[in-house]
Amino acid sequence: MIIDAMVHGILSVVETIMSIFPTIPAIDSSIVTAGNWIVTTVGEGAAFASFVYGSTLLAALVGVAIVVWAFEPIYHVVMWVIKKIPFLNVH
């Protein structure tokens, strides 16, 4: 009951804020069709990969891929921070 009141309160605030903005024009049907095609294709690819590898392995592979993808920027940030600490004497 408290959560329901909080959700309704948040929704009313969002609706009030959104009513201030002008109406958004309709999106062209070709753009909507292209977006639907992309979402469908990605969904079918994910379903096929889940069928072939299983959902647990697929989730692990996606996690590893994200870590590998994000490793280099994180490494550079960590090294930048370490280089800023003078008594470590890292060059």
C-alpha atoms as a PDB file:
ATOM      1  CA  MET A   1       0.000   0.000   0.000  1.00  0.00           C
ATOM      2  CA  ILE A   2       2.855   2.397   0.809  1.00  0.00           C
ATOM      3  CA  ILE A   3       4.777   1.308  -2.281  1.00  0.00           C
ATOM      4  CA  ASP A   4       1.637   1.730  -4.382  1.00  0.00           C
ATOM      5  CA  ALA A   5       1.210   5.290  -3.094  1.00  0.00           C
ATOM      6  CA  MET A   6       4.864   6.056  -3.806  1.00  0.00           C
ATOM      7  CA  VAL A   7       4.603   4.710  -7.355  1.00  0.00           C
ATOM      8  CA  HIS A   8       1.447   6.737  -8.020  1.00  0.00           C
ATOM      9  CA  GLY A   9       3.120   9.825  -6.589  1.00  0.00           C
ATOM     10  CA  ILE A  10       6.180   9.374  -8.792  1.00  0.00           C
ATOM     11  CA  LEU A  11       3.994   8.770 -11.833  1.00  0.00           C
ATOM     12  CA  SER A  12       1.969  11.908 -11.168  1.00  0.00           C
ATOM     13  CA  VAL A  13       5.163  13.965 -10.866  1.00  0.00           C
ATOM     14  CA  VAL A  14       6.498  12.511 -14.132  1.00  0.00           C
ATOM     15  CA  GLU A  15       3.161  13.146 -15.892  1.00  0.00           C
ATOM     16  CA  THR A  16       3.173  16.743 -14.651  1.00  0.00           C
ATOM     17  CA  ILE A  17       6.711  17.304 -15.892  1.00  0.00           C
ATOM     18  CA  MET A  18       5.943  15.675 -19.247  1.00  0.00           C
ATOM     19  CA  SER A  19       2.805  17.791 -19.712  1.00  0.00           C
ATOM     20  CA  ILE A  20       4.986  20.919 -19.720  1.00  0.00           C
ATOM     21  CA  PHE A  21       6.847  19.777 -22.828  1.00  0.00           C
ATOM     22  CA  PRO A  22       5.271  20.198 -26.264  1.00  0.00           C
ATOM     23  CA  THR A  23       3.928  17.151 -28.016  1.00  0.00           C
ATOM     24  CA  ILE A  24       6.478  15.012 -29.797  1.00  0.00           C
ATOM     25  CA  PRO A  25       5.796  14.538 -33.516  1.00  0.00           C
ATOM     26  CA  ALA A  26       5.072  11.069 -34.813  1.00  0.00           C
ATOM     27  CA  ILE A  27       8.026   8.993 -35.966  1.00  0.00           C
ATOM     28  CA  ASP A  28       8.098   8.027 -39.631  1.00  0.00           C
ATOM     29  CA  SER A  29       6.894   4.473 -40.245  1.00  0.00           C
ATOM     30  CA  SER A  30      10.104   3.513 -42.064  1.00  0.00           C
ATOM     31  CA  ILE A  31      12.148   4.363 -38.966  1.00  0.00           C
ATOM     32  CA  VAL A  32       9.794   2.330 -36.783  1.00  0.00           C
ATOM     33  CA  THR A  33      10.011  -0.583 -39.234  1.00  0.00           C
ATOM     34  CA  ALA A  34      13.825  -0.438 -39.238  1.00  0.00           C
ATOM     35  CA  GLY A  35      13.904  -0.341 -35.437  1.00  0.00           C
ATOM     36  CA  ASN A  36      11.536  -3.290 -35.215  1.00  0.00           C
ATOM     37  CA  TRP A  37      13.702  -5.222 -37.685  1.00  0.00           C
ATOM     38  CA  ILE A  38      16.834  -4.561 -35.616  1.00  0.00           C
ATOM     39  CA  VAL A  39      15.155  -5.612 -32.367  1.00  0.00           C
ATOM     40  CA  THR A  40      13.712  -8.737 -33.991  1.00  0.00           C
ATOM     41  CA  THR A  41      17.048  -9.721 -35.539  1.00  0.00           C
ATOM     42  CA  VAL A  42      18.951  -9.267 -32.275  1.00  0.00           C
ATOM     43  CA  GLY A  43      16.247 -11.166 -30.394  1.00  0.00           C
ATOM     44  CA  GLU A  44      16.348 -14.071 -32.851  1.00  0.00           C
ATOM     45  CA  GLY A  45      20.142 -14.158 -32.684  1.00  0.00           C
ATOM     46  CA  ALA A  46      20.056 -14.198 -28.888  1.00  0.00           C
ATOM     47  CA  ALA A  47      17.423 -16.949 -28.921  1.00  0.00           C
ATOM     48  CA  PHE A  48      19.528 -19.046 -31.306  1.00  0.00           C
ATOM     49  CA  ALA A  49      22.677 -18.520 -29.221  1.00  0.00           C
ATOM     50  CA  SER A  50      20.749 -19.422 -26.075  1.00  0.00           C
ATOM     51  CA  PHE A  51      19.466 -22.567 -27.789  1.00  0.00           C
ATOM     52  CA  VAL A  52      22.939 -23.605 -28.912  1.00  0.00           C
ATOM     53  CA  TYR A  53      24.942 -22.719 -25.808  1.00  0.00           C
ATOM     54  CA  GLY A  54      22.363 -22.643 -23.029  1.00  0.00           C
ATOM     55  CA  SER A  55      21.333 -19.559 -21.117  1.00  0.00           C
ATOM     56  CA  THR A  56      23.826 -19.994 -18.260  1.00  0.00           C
ATOM     57  CA  LEU A  57      26.845 -20.301 -20.528  1.00  0.00           C
ATOM     58  CA  LEU A  58      25.575 -17.480 -22.734  1.00  0.00           C
ATOM     59  CA  ALA A  59      25.233 -15.184 -19.706  1.00  0.00           C
ATOM     60  CA  ALA A  60      28.781 -16.061 -18.639  1.00  0.00           C
ATOM     61  CA  LEU A  61      30.115 -15.402 -22.150  1.00  0.00           C
ATOM     62  CA  VAL A  62      28.399 -12.023 -22.306  1.00  0.00           C
ATOM     63  CA  GLY A  63      29.856 -11.134 -18.912  1.00  0.00           C
ATOM     64  CA  VAL A  64      33.357 -12.118 -20.003  1.00  0.00           C
ATOM     65  CA  ALA A  65      32.949 -10.171 -23.252  1.00  0.00           C
ATOM     66  CA  ILE A  66      31.958  -7.039 -21.316  1.00  0.00           C
ATOM     67  CA  VAL A  67      34.961  -7.411 -18.994  1.00  0.00           C
ATOM     68  CA  VAL A  68      37.345  -7.865 -21.936  1.00  0.00           C
ATOM     69  CA  TRP A  69      35.786  -4.899 -23.752  1.00  0.00           C
ATOM     70  CA  ALA A  70      36.054  -2.634 -20.695  1.00  0.00           C
ATOM     71  CA  PHE A  71      39.507  -3.779 -19.538  1.00  0.00           C
ATOM     72  CA  GLU A  72      41.658  -1.313 -21.462  1.00  0.00           C
ATOM     73  CA  PRO A  73      39.820   1.898 -20.451  1.00  0.00           C
ATOM     74  CA  ILE A  74      39.699   0.748 -16.832  1.00  0.00           C
ATOM     75  CA  TYR A  75      43.414  -0.108 -16.970  1.00  0.00           C
ATOM     76  CA  HIS A  76      44.255   3.364 -18.279  1.00  0.00           C
ATOM     77  CA  VAL A  77      42.202   5.064 -15.563  1.00  0.00           C
ATOM     78  CA  VAL A  78      43.807   2.974 -12.820  1.00  0.00           C
ATOM     79  CA  MET A  79      47.295   3.659 -14.173  1.00  0.00           C
ATOM     80  CA  TRP A  80      46.526   7.381 -14.401  1.00  0.00           C
ATOM     81  CA  VAL A  81      45.460   7.395 -10.743  1.00  0.00           C
ATOM     82  CA  ILE A  82      48.528   5.402  -9.684  1.00  0.00           C
ATOM     83  CA  LYS A  83      50.823   7.781 -11.591  1.00  0.00           C
ATOM     84  CA  LYS A  84      49.273  10.711  -9.703  1.00  0.00           C
ATOM     85  CA  ILE A  85      50.417   9.277  -6.355  1.00  0.00           C
ATOM     86  CA  PRO A  86      53.936  10.667  -5.967  1.00  0.00           C
ATOM     87  CA  PHE A  87      55.434   8.318  -3.382  1.00  0.00           C
ATOM     88  CA  LEU A  88      54.737   5.211  -5.533  1.00  0.00           C
ATOM     89  CA  ASN A  89      57.240   6.496  -8.114  1.00  0.00           C
ATOM     90  CA  VAL A  90      55.443   4.907 -11.098  1.00  0.00           C
ATOM     91  CA  HIS A  91      56.305   6.357 -14.517  1.00  0.00           C
END
